[in-house]
Protein backbone atom coordinates (compact mmCIF):
# COMPACT_ATOMS: atom_id res chain seq x y z
CA MET A 1 2.60 -3.98 -2.77
CA ALA A 2 4.60 -7.15 -3.15
CA HIS A 3 7.07 -8.41 -5.64
CA GLU A 4 9.46 -11.31 -5.47
CA GLY A 5 12.41 -8.96 -5.95
CA SER A 6 11.63 -6.76 -2.95
CA ARG A 7 13.98 -8.04 -0.29
CA ILE A 8 14.22 -5.32 2.29
CA PRO A 9 14.23 -7.40 5.50
CA SER A 10 10.81 -8.08 7.02
CA LEU A 11 8.96 -6.11 4.35
CA ASP A 12 7.18 -9.04 2.75
CA GLY A 13 6.32 -10.38 6.20
CA LEU A 14 4.66 -7.08 7.05
CA ARG A 15 2.80 -7.16 3.74
CA ALA A 16 1.59 -10.65 4.65
CA LEU A 17 0.22 -9.41 7.98
CA SER A 18 -1.43 -6.49 6.18
CA ILE A 19 -3.19 -8.61 3.57
CA THR A 20 -4.24 -11.03 6.31
CA LEU A 21 -6.02 -8.19 8.11
CA VAL A 22 -7.75 -7.17 4.87
CA VAL A 23 -8.84 -10.74 4.10
CA LEU A 24 -10.09 -11.38 7.64
CA GLY A 25 -11.95 -8.07 7.60
CA HIS A 26 -13.76 -8.99 4.40
CA LEU A 27 -14.19 -12.66 5.31
CA GLY A 28 -16.21 -11.82 8.41
CA GLY A 29 -19.92 -12.04 7.76
CA THR A 30 -19.67 -14.21 4.65
CA ARG A 31 -21.70 -17.45 4.70
CA TYR A 32 -20.39 -20.05 7.18
CA SER A 33 -17.38 -17.90 8.01
CA PRO A 34 -15.97 -18.39 11.53
CA VAL A 35 -14.45 -14.90 11.43
CA PRO A 36 -16.46 -12.38 13.49
CA LEU A 37 -17.52 -9.05 12.00
CA PHE A 38 -15.23 -7.44 14.58
CA PHE A 39 -12.34 -7.85 12.14
CA GLU A 40 -14.01 -5.52 9.67
CA ASP A 41 -12.51 -2.58 11.56
CA TYR A 42 -9.02 -3.90 10.82
CA ALA A 43 -9.35 -4.23 7.04
CA ASN A 44 -8.71 -0.50 6.73
CA PHE A 45 -5.85 -0.81 9.22
CA GLY A 46 -4.26 -3.35 6.87
CA VAL A 47 -4.63 -0.91 3.98
CA ARG A 48 -2.95 1.81 6.06
CA VAL A 49 0.01 -0.53 6.60
CA PHE A 50 0.27 -0.95 2.83
CA PHE A 51 0.18 2.84 2.42
CA VAL A 52 3.00 3.40 4.91
CA ILE A 53 5.10 0.67 3.28
CA SER A 54 4.51 2.17 -0.17
CA GLY A 55 5.54 5.64 0.96
CA TYR A 56 8.67 4.26 2.63
CA LEU A 57 9.73 1.98 -0.21
CA ILE A 58 9.11 4.39 -3.09
CA SER A 59 10.83 7.23 -1.24
CA THR A 60 13.80 4.98 -0.45
CA ILE A 61 14.18 4.15 -4.14
CA LEU A 62 13.90 7.80 -5.19
CA ILE A 63 16.32 9.00 -2.49
CA LYS A 64 18.95 6.45 -3.49
CA GLU A 65 18.61 7.36 -7.14
CA HIS A 66 18.92 11.07 -6.37
CA THR A 67 21.94 10.43 -4.15
CA ARG A 68 23.71 8.50 -6.91
CA THR A 69 22.78 10.59 -9.94
CA GLY A 70 21.77 13.98 -8.58
CA THR A 71 18.34 13.64 -10.18
CA ILE A 72 15.27 11.42 -10.51
CA ILE A 73 14.52 9.93 -13.91
CA LEU A 74 10.74 10.19 -14.11
CA ARG A 75 10.35 8.32 -17.38
CA GLY A 76 12.15 5.27 -16.04
CA PHE A 77 10.21 5.37 -12.79
CA TYR A 78 6.82 5.58 -14.49
CA ILE A 79 7.63 2.83 -16.99
CA ARG A 80 8.71 0.46 -14.23
CA ARG A 81 5.64 1.33 -12.18
CA PHE A 82 3.44 0.59 -15.19
CA PHE A 83 4.84 -2.92 -15.56
CA ARG A 84 4.53 -3.47 -11.83
CA ILE A 85 0.97 -2.28 -11.29
CA PHE A 86 -1.10 -2.20 -14.46
CA PRO A 87 -0.95 -5.75 -15.92
CA ALA A 88 -2.31 -7.55 -12.85
CA ALA A 89 -4.91 -4.85 -12.17
CA TYR A 90 -6.12 -4.73 -15.77
CA ALA A 91 -6.22 -8.54 -15.96
CA PHE A 92 -8.47 -8.50 -12.88
CA LEU A 93 -10.69 -5.80 -14.38
CA ILE A 94 -11.05 -7.56 -17.71
CA ALA A 95 -11.90 -10.84 -15.97
CA THR A 96 -14.45 -9.00 -13.82
CA LEU A 97 -16.09 -7.52 -16.91
CA LEU A 98 -16.15 -10.83 -18.76
CA PHE A 99 -17.06 -13.31 -16.04
CA GLY A 100 -18.07 -11.48 -12.91
CA GLU A 101 -19.84 -8.21 -12.28
CA HIS A 102 -22.34 -7.46 -15.05
CA THR A 103 -23.82 -4.36 -13.43
CA LEU A 104 -20.80 -2.12 -13.79
CA ARG A 105 -21.80 1.27 -15.13
CA GLY A 106 -19.75 3.34 -17.51
CA ILE A 107 -18.49 5.52 -14.67
CA ASP A 108 -17.38 2.41 -12.75
CA ILE A 109 -15.40 1.10 -15.70
CA PHE A 110 -13.88 4.51 -16.43
CA THR A 111 -12.76 5.18 -12.87
CA ALA A 112 -11.42 1.64 -12.47
CA PHE A 113 -9.22 1.82 -15.57
CA THR A 114 -8.04 5.37 -14.82
CA TYR A 115 -7.36 4.85 -11.09
CA LEU A 116 -10.00 7.30 -9.92
CA VAL A 117 -12.14 4.83 -7.98
CA ASN A 118 -11.51 6.72 -4.73
CA TYR A 119 -13.68 9.52 -6.17
CA ASN A 120 -16.44 7.15 -7.29
CA LEU A 121 -18.33 6.72 -4.02
CA SER A 122 -21.23 4.81 -5.58
CA ARG A 123 -18.98 2.07 -6.96
CA PRO A 124 -20.15 -1.54 -6.60
CA TRP A 125 -18.48 -4.04 -4.28
CA ALA A 126 -16.62 -5.76 -7.14
CA ILE A 127 -14.28 -2.78 -7.62
CA GLY A 128 -14.68 -1.19 -4.19
CA HIS A 129 -11.20 -2.18 -3.05
CA LEU A 130 -9.59 -0.36 -5.98
CA TRP A 131 -9.99 2.91 -4.07
CA SER A 132 -6.71 2.22 -2.26
CA LEU A 133 -4.88 1.35 -5.49
CA SER A 134 -6.16 4.62 -6.93
CA VAL A 135 -4.74 6.51 -3.95
CA GLU A 136 -1.38 4.78 -4.42
CA GLU A 137 -1.31 5.48 -8.15
CA GLN A 138 -2.03 9.16 -7.50
CA PHE A 139 0.87 9.12 -5.05
CA TYR A 140 3.15 7.50 -7.66
CA LEU A 141 2.19 10.25 -10.08
CA LEU A 142 2.78 13.18 -7.71
CA TRP A 143 5.57 12.29 -5.29
CA PRO A 144 8.48 11.56 -7.68
CA LEU A 145 7.89 14.85 -9.48
CA THR A 146 7.67 16.65 -6.14
CA LEU A 147 10.98 15.19 -4.96
CA LEU A 148 12.61 15.98 -8.30
CA LEU A 149 11.63 19.64 -8.02
CA PHE A 150 11.98 20.11 -4.27
CA PHE A 151 14.30 17.37 -3.04
CA ARG A 152 15.83 19.46 -0.24
CA LYS A 153 12.35 20.26 1.07
CA GLY A 154 11.20 16.64 0.99
CA ARG A 155 10.97 16.28 4.77
CA THR A 156 9.03 19.51 5.10
CA LEU A 157 6.59 18.50 2.37
CA ALA A 158 6.05 15.02 3.81
CA LEU A 159 5.50 16.48 7.27
CA ALA A 160 3.07 19.01 5.81
CA GLY A 161 1.06 16.16 4.32
CA ILE A 162 0.88 14.50 7.74
CA VAL A 163 -0.08 17.67 9.59
CA LEU A 164 -2.58 19.00 7.06
CA ALA A 165 -4.54 15.78 6.49
CA PRO A 166 -6.47 15.91 9.81
CA PHE A 167 -7.49 19.49 9.00
CA MET A 168 -8.52 18.38 5.53
CA ARG A 169 -10.71 15.67 7.06
CA ALA A 170 -12.24 18.19 9.45
CA GLY A 171 -12.77 20.70 6.67
CA PHE A 172 -14.45 18.15 4.42
CA LYS A 173 -16.69 17.13 7.31
CA MET A 174 -17.71 20.73 8.01
CA ALA A 175 -18.38 21.22 4.30
CA GLY A 176 -20.91 18.39 4.43
CA PHE A 177 -18.93 15.64 2.71
CA SER A 178 -19.84 12.08 3.68
CA SER A 179 -17.67 9.76 5.77
CA ASP A 180 -17.07 7.70 2.63
CA ALA A 181 -15.64 10.74 0.85
CA ILE A 182 -13.41 11.60 3.80
CA GLY A 183 -12.16 8.03 3.93
CA ASN A 184 -11.38 7.88 0.20
CA TYR A 185 -10.31 11.25 -1.16
CA PHE A 186 -6.56 11.60 -1.66
CA PRO A 187 -6.04 14.76 0.44
CA CYS A 188 -7.74 13.06 3.40
CA VAL A 189 -5.85 9.76 3.33
CA ALA A 190 -2.45 10.68 1.88
CA ASP A 191 -1.02 11.21 5.36
CA SER A 192 -0.53 7.45 5.72
CA ILE A 193 1.69 7.42 2.64
CA ALA A 194 3.37 10.67 3.70
CA THR A 195 4.29 9.05 7.03
CA GLY A 196 6.14 6.32 5.16
CA CYS A 197 7.83 8.96 3.00
CA LEU A 198 8.98 10.86 6.08
CA LEU A 199 10.32 7.66 7.64
CA ALA A 200 12.48 7.07 4.55
CA LEU A 201 13.70 10.67 4.56
CA LEU A 202 14.60 10.44 8.27
CA GLN A 203 16.64 7.23 7.96
CA PRO A 204 19.99 8.94 8.72
CA GLU A 205 18.61 10.09 12.07
CA MET A 206 16.58 6.95 12.81
CA GLY A 207 19.75 4.95 13.35
CA VAL A 208 20.71 7.33 16.16
CA TRP A 209 17.22 7.41 17.69
CA ALA A 210 16.69 3.66 17.49
CA ALA A 211 18.52 2.89 20.74
CA ARG A 212 16.23 5.26 22.64
CA LEU A 213 13.02 4.38 20.83
CA TYR A 214 13.12 0.62 20.69
CA ARG A 215 13.23 -0.36 24.34
CA PRO A 216 11.03 -3.00 26.04
CA GLY A 217 8.28 -0.43 26.55
CA PHE A 218 8.01 -0.05 22.76
CA VAL A 219 5.42 -2.85 22.79
CA LEU A 220 2.93 -0.17 23.79
CA VAL A 221 3.34 1.49 20.37
CA PRO A 222 1.82 -1.32 18.26
CA LEU A 223 -0.83 -1.88 20.93
CA LEU A 224 -1.80 1.80 20.79
CA ALA A 225 -1.86 1.74 16.98
CA LEU A 226 -4.06 -1.38 17.01
CA SER A 227 -6.47 0.30 19.43
CA VAL A 228 -7.17 3.23 17.10
CA PRO A 229 -9.72 1.48 14.83
CA LEU A 230 -11.84 0.90 17.95
CA TRP A 231 -11.98 4.56 18.97
CA PRO A 232 -15.14 5.40 16.97
CA HIS A 233 -16.99 2.59 18.79
CA LEU A 234 -16.23 4.02 22.22
CA SER A 235 -18.25 7.18 21.69
CA HIS A 236 -19.73 8.45 18.43
CA ARG A 237 -19.72 12.03 19.65
CA ILE A 238 -16.13 12.00 20.91
CA GLY A 239 -14.57 8.86 19.45
CA VAL A 240 -15.23 9.63 15.78
CA PRO A 241 -13.73 13.18 15.84
CA ALA A 242 -10.82 11.90 17.93
CA TYR A 243 -10.21 9.16 15.41
CA GLN A 244 -10.23 11.56 12.44
CA LEU A 245 -8.22 14.37 14.05
CA LEU A 246 -5.72 12.41 16.15
CA GLY A 247 -6.22 8.68 15.92
CA ILE A 248 -5.27 8.19 12.27
CA THR A 249 -2.04 10.13 12.83
CA VAL A 250 -1.25 8.03 15.91
CA MET A 251 -1.95 4.88 13.89
CA ASN A 252 0.24 5.99 10.98
CA VAL A 253 3.18 6.90 13.20
CA GLY A 254 2.83 3.65 15.14
CA ILE A 255 2.84 1.64 11.91
CA ALA A 256 5.90 3.55 10.63
CA LEU A 257 7.85 2.91 13.83
CA CYS A 258 6.92 -0.78 13.74
CA LEU A 259 8.09 -0.89 10.11
CA ASP A 260 11.41 0.67 11.06
CA ILE A 261 12.12 -1.68 13.97
CA ALA A 262 11.06 -4.72 11.93
CA ILE A 263 13.56 -3.81 9.21
CA ARG A 264 16.35 -3.14 11.71
CA ARG A 265 15.89 -6.23 13.88
CA ARG A 266 14.82 -8.65 11.13
CA TYR A 267 12.43 -10.73 13.23
CA ALA A 268 12.51 -14.40 12.24
CA LEU A 269 8.72 -14.63 11.96
CA LEU A 270 8.48 -11.77 9.49
CA ASN A 271 11.19 -13.38 7.37
CA HIS A 272 9.85 -16.93 7.48
CA PRO A 273 9.54 -18.34 3.92
CA ALA A 274 5.81 -19.06 4.29
CA LEU A 275 5.02 -15.53 5.44
CA VAL A 276 7.31 -14.06 2.80
CA TRP A 277 5.43 -16.01 0.10
CA VAL A 278 2.10 -14.57 1.31
CA GLY A 279 3.67 -11.12 1.24
CA VAL A 280 4.91 -11.66 -2.31
CA LEU A 281 1.38 -12.72 -3.26
CA SER A 282 -0.24 -9.79 -1.46
CA TYR A 283 -0.87 -7.53 -4.47
CA SER A 284 -2.67 -10.22 -6.48
CA LEU A 285 -4.44 -11.45 -3.35
CA TYR A 286 -5.66 -7.94 -2.62
CA LEU A 287 -7.04 -7.71 -6.16
CA TRP A 288 -8.75 -11.11 -6.16
CA GLN A 289 -10.14 -11.42 -2.64
CA GLN A 290 -12.84 -8.83 -3.35
CA PRO A 291 -15.23 -10.75 -5.66
CA PHE A 292 -15.24 -13.83 -3.42
CA LEU A 293 -15.33 -12.23 0.03
CA ASN A 294 -18.71 -10.52 -0.31
CA ARG A 295 -20.99 -10.82 2.71
CA ASN A 296 -23.88 -9.26 0.81
CA VAL A 297 -24.45 -12.20 -1.54
CA THR A 298 -25.28 -15.87 -0.95
CA THR A 299 -23.69 -17.54 -3.98
CA TRP A 300 -21.77 -20.80 -3.59
CA TYR A 301 -18.46 -19.12 -4.35
CA SER A 302 -19.00 -16.49 -1.63
CA ALA A 303 -19.39 -19.10 1.14
CA PHE A 304 -16.53 -20.14 3.41
CA PRO A 305 -14.16 -21.94 2.83
CA VAL A 306 -14.75 -22.01 -0.94
CA ASN A 307 -14.48 -18.21 -1.13
CA LEU A 308 -11.08 -18.19 0.55
CA ILE A 309 -9.76 -21.07 -1.57
CA LEU A 310 -10.89 -19.36 -4.78
CA ALA A 311 -9.40 -16.02 -3.72
CA VAL A 312 -6.00 -17.57 -2.97
CA GLY A 313 -6.17 -19.72 -6.11
CA CYS A 314 -6.94 -16.81 -8.42
CA ALA A 315 -4.28 -14.68 -6.73
CA THR A 316 -1.70 -17.42 -7.25
CA LEU A 317 -2.60 -17.70 -10.94
CA SER A 318 -2.45 -13.92 -11.26
CA PHE A 319 0.99 -13.79 -9.68
CA TYR A 320 2.60 -16.59 -11.67
CA CYS A 321 0.79 -16.02 -14.98
CA VAL A 322 0.55 -12.22 -15.08
CA GLU A 323 2.75 -10.47 -12.53
CA ARG A 324 5.94 -12.47 -12.95
CA PRO A 325 5.98 -12.57 -16.77
CA PHE A 326 5.48 -8.80 -16.98
CA LEU A 327 8.12 -8.19 -14.32
CA ARG A 328 10.58 -10.32 -16.28
CA MET A 329 9.67 -8.33 -19.38
CA ARG A 330 10.31 -5.13 -17.45
CA GLU A 331 13.74 -6.29 -16.30
CA ARG A 332 14.61 -7.37 -19.84
CA TYR A 333 13.59 -4.20 -21.66
CA PHE A 334 13.68 -1.50 -18.93
CA PRO A 335 16.24 -2.56 -16.32
CA VAL A 336 17.44 -0.10 -13.72
CA LYS A 337 20.98 -0.66 -14.95
CA ALA A 338 20.19 0.60 -18.44
CA THR A 339 18.40 3.67 -17.14
CA GLU A 340 21.28 4.54 -14.84
CA THR A 341 23.86 3.96 -17.56
CA ARG A 342 22.10 6.28 -20.00
CA ARG A 343 22.09 8.98 -17.36
CA GLN A 344 25.61 8.59 -16.02
CA GLY A 345 27.50 7.41 -19.10
CA LEU A 346 30.61 5.24 -18.77
CA ARG A 347 31.63 6.98 -15.57
CA GLY A 348 28.50 5.78 -13.79
CA ASN A 349 28.53 2.21 -15.02
CA SER A 350 29.81 0.69 -11.79
CA SER A 351 27.12 2.48 -9.83
CA ALA A 352 24.52 1.25 -12.28
CA GLN A 353 25.72 -2.32 -11.78
CA GLU A 354 25.26 -1.87 -8.05
CA VAL A 355 21.73 -0.56 -8.49
CA ALA A 356 20.72 -3.37 -10.80
CA HIS A 357 21.72 -5.94 -8.20
CA ASP A 358 20.37 -4.13 -5.17
CA PRO A 359 17.36 -6.31 -4.21
CA SER A 360 15.77 -3.54 -2.17
CA LEU A 361 15.28 -1.57 -5.39
CA ALA A 362 13.82 -4.40 -7.46
CA LEU A 363 10.24 -3.31 -7.00
């Protein structure tokens, strides 16, 4: 998700579009909301965009580190991830326990704090959105270690994740697992992240392919990707299996290609300061939109436009009062420069200086 230091071109703009889809999808159906329920199908699409971006960005960081140092320093990676992810999420959870949801069971609290919500299918709405953060955290735990051990096979492993996921979804379905399980369990949804990983690993070739790929007809790619969430509505008997076996892969690849062209061409809209600010806010906004955008309750704070104002307000407070202070603390006590210097010694100091000031790595 977002951070003010992430300055790969267009990335925050894409995050802004992603969180907009999530917010619109959840806003539909709330009291007095002008947003039709139709947008509900695109909330998950927005999450998939976040997954692809995460896979791409984390893999880019790990690849650059391995290229410079010949290894991946897991301790440094996990510490920096902790400061990036945990404070804002735990602040949200503590606030939810104190002021919001009073029906959370022990299993709900446990899975929320341990990032296992994607395996808690009976979770209440208040923490329902944490399933995607759980998937990402499981990715952060597994992928760096995988690249450290099998760096030369990274492309093969990422491609295997993409190819195997549809069969995992089919296998879970045949085994009698529910649609909720198939849509949440890591082996069934990790292909979105793996697609972003593969995009990062293929960057040397993407520069050569770009001239052939990104022609005027490329507009059909995002249109095809955007059509995929509608496939299950066309025919339950055919559309749902097609969506699970083929559609999600088509959507992931389409998102990845759109990510690549957006970074290369640096579209003005995606780099507009207003859209960038929304992208920077996207992590906190994703956390805080959930309690207010609940169509199943009729409280005053769940009615439009109050619900949207409160969601953005709480997200803004979370970003400036929680995210930024902890990120500053991270850069003060666990900077990339220090980690690199310890690994490379005096000989690697100039490289470490370069890393510390590379905005694309300031996650």
